[in-house]
Amino acid sequence: MSPCSPRSNWRRLVVIAAAGALLAGCVYKVNIYQGWITDPGDVDKVEVGMTREQVAYLLGTPTVRDPFHADRWDYVFTPGTLEGERRIVRIEFSDEGVSSIEITPVPAG
């Protein structure tokens, strides 16, 4: 049998296809974090009376700025694969600065 026979080509094709299928199962999956990512201690540093600039310096720009609630900033944190870690940090402002801080866990799913 010559090295270029149809049977040899068929075996080579089967071996390559099997190797490809096995290698496709060796996928490395990276956790992808979406939304606002910060040190959890930074939220504890926000205090009633702080200005918008001070809050933005600590936490960055808000994930959501609702055009119907200009005095409310929402920060949404969602890890890609960790269950139970999702949360919303809602900061409301008045003329004097921060008027309330609310942290709400979001159920998975």
N, C-alpha and C. Protein backbone atom coordinates (compact mmCIF):
# COMPACT_ATOMS: atom_id res chain seq x y z
N MET A 1 0.84 -1.16 0.00
CA MET A 1 0.00 0.00 0.00
C MET A 1 0.90 1.23 0.00
N SER A 2 0.63 2.17 -0.88
CA SER A 2 1.45 3.38 -0.97
C SER A 2 1.01 4.37 0.11
N PRO A 3 1.90 5.32 0.48
CA PRO A 3 1.56 6.27 1.54
C PRO A 3 0.40 7.20 1.17
N CYS A 4 0.04 7.29 -0.10
CA CYS A 4 -1.04 8.17 -0.53
C CYS A 4 -2.28 7.40 -0.94
N SER A 5 -2.42 6.18 -0.46
CA SER A 5 -3.60 5.39 -0.84
C SER A 5 -4.84 5.97 -0.16
N PRO A 6 -6.01 5.70 -0.73
CA PRO A 6 -7.25 6.20 -0.13
C PRO A 6 -7.45 5.72 1.30
N ARG A 7 -7.05 4.48 1.57
CA ARG A 7 -7.21 3.95 2.93
C ARG A 7 -6.31 4.71 3.91
N SER A 8 -5.10 5.04 3.52
CA SER A 8 -4.18 5.81 4.36
C SER A 8 -4.73 7.22 4.61
N ASN A 9 -5.27 7.83 3.57
CA ASN A 9 -5.85 9.17 3.72
C ASN A 9 -7.05 9.14 4.67
N TRP A 10 -7.85 8.08 4.57
CA TRP A 10 -9.02 7.94 5.42
C TRP A 10 -8.60 7.82 6.89
N ARG A 11 -7.58 7.00 7.17
CA ARG A 11 -7.10 6.85 8.54
C ARG A 11 -6.56 8.18 9.07
N ARG A 12 -5.81 8.87 8.25
CA ARG A 12 -5.25 10.16 8.65
C ARG A 12 -6.38 11.14 8.99
N LEU A 13 -7.42 11.15 8.17
CA LEU A 13 -8.55 12.03 8.40
C LEU A 13 -9.27 11.69 9.70
N VAL A 14 -9.43 10.39 9.98
CA VAL A 14 -10.09 9.97 11.22
C VAL A 14 -9.25 10.36 12.43
N VAL A 15 -7.94 10.18 12.36
CA VAL A 15 -7.06 10.54 13.47
C VAL A 15 -7.10 12.05 13.72
N ILE A 16 -7.05 12.84 12.66
CA ILE A 16 -7.09 14.30 12.81
C ILE A 16 -8.44 14.74 13.39
N ALA A 17 -9.53 14.16 12.92
CA ALA A 17 -10.86 14.52 13.44
C ALA A 17 -10.99 14.14 14.91
N ALA A 18 -10.48 12.96 15.30
CA ALA A 18 -10.55 12.53 16.69
C ALA A 18 -9.70 13.45 17.58
N ALA A 19 -8.51 13.80 17.11
CA ALA A 19 -7.65 14.70 17.88
C ALA A 19 -8.31 16.07 18.03
N GLY A 20 -8.93 16.56 16.98
CA GLY A 20 -9.64 17.84 17.04
C GLY A 20 -10.79 17.81 18.03
N ALA A 21 -11.54 16.71 18.04
CA ALA A 21 -12.66 16.58 18.97
C ALA A 21 -12.17 16.52 20.41
N LEU A 22 -11.07 15.81 20.65
CA LEU A 22 -10.52 15.73 22.01
C LEU A 22 -9.99 17.08 22.47
N LEU A 23 -9.31 17.79 21.59
CA LEU A 23 -8.77 19.09 21.96
C LEU A 23 -9.86 20.13 22.18
N ALA A 24 -10.98 19.99 21.52
CA ALA A 24 -12.08 20.93 21.70
C ALA A 24 -12.64 20.85 23.12
N GLY A 25 -12.48 19.72 23.77
CA GLY A 25 -12.96 19.56 25.14
C GLY A 25 -12.03 20.18 26.17
N CYS A 26 -10.85 20.59 25.77
CA CYS A 26 -9.86 21.18 26.68
C CYS A 26 -9.93 22.70 26.61
N VAL A 27 -11.06 23.25 26.96
CA VAL A 27 -11.24 24.69 26.87
C VAL A 27 -11.07 25.30 28.25
N TYR A 28 -10.30 26.37 28.32
CA TYR A 28 -10.13 27.11 29.57
C TYR A 28 -11.17 28.21 29.62
N LYS A 29 -11.94 28.25 30.68
CA LYS A 29 -12.99 29.26 30.80
C LYS A 29 -12.59 30.29 31.84
N VAL A 30 -12.59 31.55 31.44
CA VAL A 30 -12.22 32.64 32.32
C VAL A 30 -13.50 33.23 32.92
N ASN A 31 -13.47 33.51 34.22
CA ASN A 31 -14.61 34.20 34.84
C ASN A 31 -14.66 35.62 34.31
N ILE A 32 -15.79 36.00 33.78
CA ILE A 32 -15.96 37.34 33.23
C ILE A 32 -16.86 38.12 34.18
N TYR A 33 -16.33 39.19 34.71
CA TYR A 33 -17.09 40.03 35.61
C TYR A 33 -17.70 41.17 34.82
N GLN A 34 -18.97 41.40 35.04
CA GLN A 34 -19.68 42.43 34.30
C GLN A 34 -20.22 43.47 35.27
N GLY A 35 -20.36 44.67 34.76
CA GLY A 35 -20.89 45.74 35.58
C GLY A 35 -19.80 46.44 36.35
N TRP A 36 -20.15 46.94 37.49
CA TRP A 36 -19.27 47.76 38.30
C TRP A 36 -18.38 46.86 39.16
N ILE A 37 -17.07 47.06 39.07
CA ILE A 37 -16.13 46.25 39.83
C ILE A 37 -15.33 47.18 40.72
N THR A 38 -15.39 46.97 42.01
CA THR A 38 -14.65 47.81 42.96
C THR A 38 -14.38 47.02 44.22
N ASP A 39 -13.58 47.58 45.07
CA ASP A 39 -13.31 47.00 46.38
C ASP A 39 -14.58 47.18 47.23
N PRO A 40 -15.11 46.10 47.80
CA PRO A 40 -16.34 46.23 48.59
C PRO A 40 -16.22 47.26 49.72
N GLY A 41 -15.02 47.49 50.21
CA GLY A 41 -14.83 48.48 51.27
C GLY A 41 -15.05 49.90 50.81
N ASP A 42 -14.97 50.14 49.50
CA ASP A 42 -15.18 51.50 48.99
C ASP A 42 -16.60 51.97 49.22
N VAL A 43 -17.56 51.06 49.14
CA VAL A 43 -18.96 51.43 49.38
C VAL A 43 -19.13 51.90 50.83
N ASP A 44 -18.41 51.27 51.75
CA ASP A 44 -18.50 51.65 53.16
C ASP A 44 -17.95 53.05 53.42
N LYS A 45 -17.13 53.55 52.52
CA LYS A 45 -16.55 54.89 52.68
C LYS A 45 -17.51 56.00 52.27
N VAL A 46 -18.56 55.65 51.52
CA VAL A 46 -19.53 56.66 51.11
C VAL A 46 -20.38 57.03 52.32
N GLU A 47 -20.51 58.33 52.55
CA GLU A 47 -21.26 58.82 53.71
C GLU A 47 -22.31 59.83 53.28
N VAL A 48 -23.35 59.92 54.07
CA VAL A 48 -24.39 60.92 53.83
C VAL A 48 -23.73 62.30 53.87
N GLY A 49 -24.09 63.13 52.89
CA GLY A 49 -23.55 64.49 52.81
C GLY A 49 -22.42 64.64 51.81
N MET A 50 -21.84 63.53 51.33
CA MET A 50 -20.76 63.63 50.34
C MET A 50 -21.30 64.18 49.02
N THR A 51 -20.44 64.87 48.28
CA THR A 51 -20.84 65.42 46.98
C THR A 51 -20.80 64.33 45.91
N ARG A 52 -21.40 64.63 44.78
CA ARG A 52 -21.37 63.70 43.64
C ARG A 52 -19.93 63.44 43.20
N GLU A 53 -19.11 64.48 43.23
CA GLU A 53 -17.71 64.32 42.81
C GLU A 53 -16.96 63.37 43.74
N GLN A 54 -17.22 63.47 45.04
CA GLN A 54 -16.57 62.59 46.00
C GLN A 54 -17.00 61.14 45.79
N VAL A 55 -18.28 60.93 45.54
CA VAL A 55 -18.79 59.58 45.29
C VAL A 55 -18.19 59.03 44.00
N ALA A 56 -18.15 59.84 42.95
CA ALA A 56 -17.57 59.40 41.68
C ALA A 56 -16.09 59.08 41.84
N TYR A 57 -15.38 59.81 42.69
CA TYR A 57 -13.97 59.52 42.93
C TYR A 57 -13.80 58.16 43.61
N LEU A 58 -14.66 57.86 44.57
CA LEU A 58 -14.57 56.58 45.29
C LEU A 58 -15.03 55.40 44.46
N LEU A 59 -16.18 55.54 43.80
CA LEU A 59 -16.82 54.39 43.14
C LEU A 59 -16.75 54.42 41.62
N GLY A 60 -16.36 55.54 41.05
CA GLY A 60 -16.36 55.66 39.59
C GLY A 60 -17.72 56.11 39.11
N THR A 61 -17.87 56.17 37.79
CA THR A 61 -19.15 56.60 37.25
C THR A 61 -20.19 55.50 37.46
N PRO A 62 -21.43 55.88 37.68
CA PRO A 62 -22.46 54.87 37.94
C PRO A 62 -22.75 54.02 36.71
N THR A 63 -23.14 52.79 36.95
CA THR A 63 -23.51 51.88 35.86
C THR A 63 -24.77 52.38 35.17
N VAL A 64 -25.70 52.90 35.96
CA VAL A 64 -26.98 53.36 35.42
C VAL A 64 -27.25 54.77 35.94
N ARG A 65 -27.52 55.67 35.01
CA ARG A 65 -28.01 57.01 35.36
C ARG A 65 -29.39 57.14 34.74
N ASP A 66 -30.39 57.01 35.57
CA ASP A 66 -31.77 57.03 35.11
C ASP A 66 -32.17 58.46 34.75
N PRO A 67 -32.56 58.71 33.51
CA PRO A 67 -32.94 60.07 33.12
C PRO A 67 -34.19 60.57 33.86
N PHE A 68 -34.99 59.67 34.40
CA PHE A 68 -36.19 60.06 35.13
C PHE A 68 -35.92 60.29 36.61
N HIS A 69 -34.75 59.87 37.07
CA HIS A 69 -34.35 60.06 38.47
C HIS A 69 -32.91 60.58 38.48
N ALA A 70 -32.75 61.85 38.16
CA ALA A 70 -31.42 62.44 38.03
C ALA A 70 -30.66 62.45 39.35
N ASP A 71 -31.36 62.37 40.46
CA ASP A 71 -30.71 62.40 41.77
C ASP A 71 -30.42 61.01 42.31
N ARG A 72 -30.42 60.01 41.44
CA ARG A 72 -30.15 58.63 41.87
C ARG A 72 -29.09 58.01 40.97
N TRP A 73 -28.08 57.43 41.59
CA TRP A 73 -27.05 56.68 40.86
C TRP A 73 -27.15 55.22 41.27
N ASP A 74 -27.14 54.33 40.29
CA ASP A 74 -27.17 52.89 40.55
C ASP A 74 -25.87 52.26 40.05
N TYR A 75 -25.27 51.47 40.91
CA TYR A 75 -24.09 50.69 40.56
C TYR A 75 -24.51 49.22 40.59
N VAL A 76 -24.32 48.50 39.49
CA VAL A 76 -24.72 47.10 39.39
C VAL A 76 -23.46 46.25 39.28
N PHE A 77 -23.34 45.25 40.14
CA PHE A 77 -22.19 44.36 40.13
C PHE A 77 -22.67 42.94 39.91
N THR A 78 -22.16 42.29 38.87
CA THR A 78 -22.55 40.92 38.54
C THR A 78 -21.33 40.11 38.15
N PRO A 79 -20.81 39.25 39.04
CA PRO A 79 -19.75 38.35 38.62
C PRO A 79 -20.28 37.37 37.58
N GLY A 80 -19.43 36.96 36.66
CA GLY A 80 -19.87 36.11 35.56
C GLY A 80 -20.39 34.75 35.97
N THR A 81 -19.77 34.09 36.96
CA THR A 81 -20.18 32.72 37.28
C THR A 81 -20.52 32.51 38.75
N LEU A 82 -20.26 33.46 39.61
CA LEU A 82 -20.50 33.25 41.03
C LEU A 82 -21.95 33.56 41.37
N GLU A 83 -22.62 32.60 41.95
CA GLU A 83 -24.03 32.78 42.31
C GLU A 83 -24.13 33.53 43.63
N GLY A 84 -25.17 34.31 43.77
CA GLY A 84 -25.43 34.99 45.02
C GLY A 84 -24.60 36.23 45.26
N GLU A 85 -23.76 36.63 44.33
CA GLU A 85 -22.90 37.78 44.51
C GLU A 85 -23.46 39.04 43.87
N ARG A 86 -24.51 38.91 43.09
CA ARG A 86 -25.03 40.07 42.38
C ARG A 86 -25.65 41.05 43.37
N ARG A 87 -25.39 42.35 43.14
CA ARG A 87 -25.98 43.35 44.02
C ARG A 87 -26.10 44.69 43.31
N ILE A 88 -26.99 45.50 43.82
CA ILE A 88 -27.19 46.86 43.31
C ILE A 88 -26.92 47.81 44.47
N VAL A 89 -26.07 48.79 44.22
CA VAL A 89 -25.83 49.85 45.19
C VAL A 89 -26.51 51.09 44.64
N ARG A 90 -27.48 51.59 45.37
CA ARG A 90 -28.25 52.77 44.93
C ARG A 90 -27.92 53.93 45.87
N ILE A 91 -27.44 55.02 45.26
CA ILE A 91 -27.10 56.22 46.03
C ILE A 91 -28.01 57.34 45.56
N GLU A 92 -28.70 57.96 46.51
CA GLU A 92 -29.59 59.08 46.18
C GLU A 92 -28.99 60.37 46.72
N PHE A 93 -29.18 61.43 45.93
CA PHE A 93 -28.61 62.73 46.26
C PHE A 93 -29.73 63.75 46.52
N SER A 94 -29.41 64.73 47.36
CA SER A 94 -30.26 65.91 47.54
C SER A 94 -29.36 67.12 47.31
N ASP A 95 -29.86 68.30 47.58
CA ASP A 95 -29.04 69.50 47.41
C ASP A 95 -27.83 69.50 48.33
N GLU A 96 -27.91 68.80 49.44
CA GLU A 96 -26.81 68.76 50.41
C GLU A 96 -25.80 67.66 50.12
N GLY A 97 -26.04 66.82 49.12
CA GLY A 97 -25.14 65.71 48.80
C GLY A 97 -25.87 64.39 48.93
N VAL A 98 -25.13 63.35 49.30
CA VAL A 98 -25.72 62.01 49.44
C VAL A 98 -26.80 62.05 50.52
N SER A 99 -27.99 61.58 50.18
CA SER A 99 -29.07 61.54 51.16
C SER A 99 -29.36 60.12 51.64
N SER A 100 -29.07 59.10 50.80
CA SER A 100 -29.27 57.72 51.23
C SER A 100 -28.40 56.78 50.41
N ILE A 101 -28.04 55.66 51.06
CA ILE A 101 -27.24 54.61 50.43
C ILE A 101 -27.98 53.30 50.69
N GLU A 102 -28.27 52.58 49.61
CA GLU A 102 -29.02 51.32 49.74
C GLU A 102 -28.29 50.24 48.97
N ILE A 103 -28.01 49.12 49.63
CA ILE A 103 -27.36 47.97 48.98
C ILE A 103 -28.37 46.83 48.95
N THR A 104 -28.67 46.37 47.73
CA THR A 104 -29.68 45.34 47.55
C THR A 104 -29.08 44.13 46.86
N PRO A 105 -29.07 42.95 47.51
CA PRO A 105 -28.66 41.74 46.80
C PRO A 105 -29.72 41.36 45.77
N VAL A 106 -29.28 40.87 44.64
CA VAL A 106 -30.19 40.47 43.57
C VAL A 106 -30.19 38.95 43.50
N PRO A 107 -31.36 38.32 43.58
CA PRO A 107 -31.41 36.86 43.50
C PRO A 107 -30.83 36.35 42.18
N ALA A 108 -30.12 35.24 42.25
CA ALA A 108 -29.55 34.65 41.04
C ALA A 108 -30.67 34.15 40.15
N GLY A 109 -30.39 34.24 38.85
CA GLY A 109 -31.37 33.69 37.93
C GLY A 109 -31.98 34.63 37.05
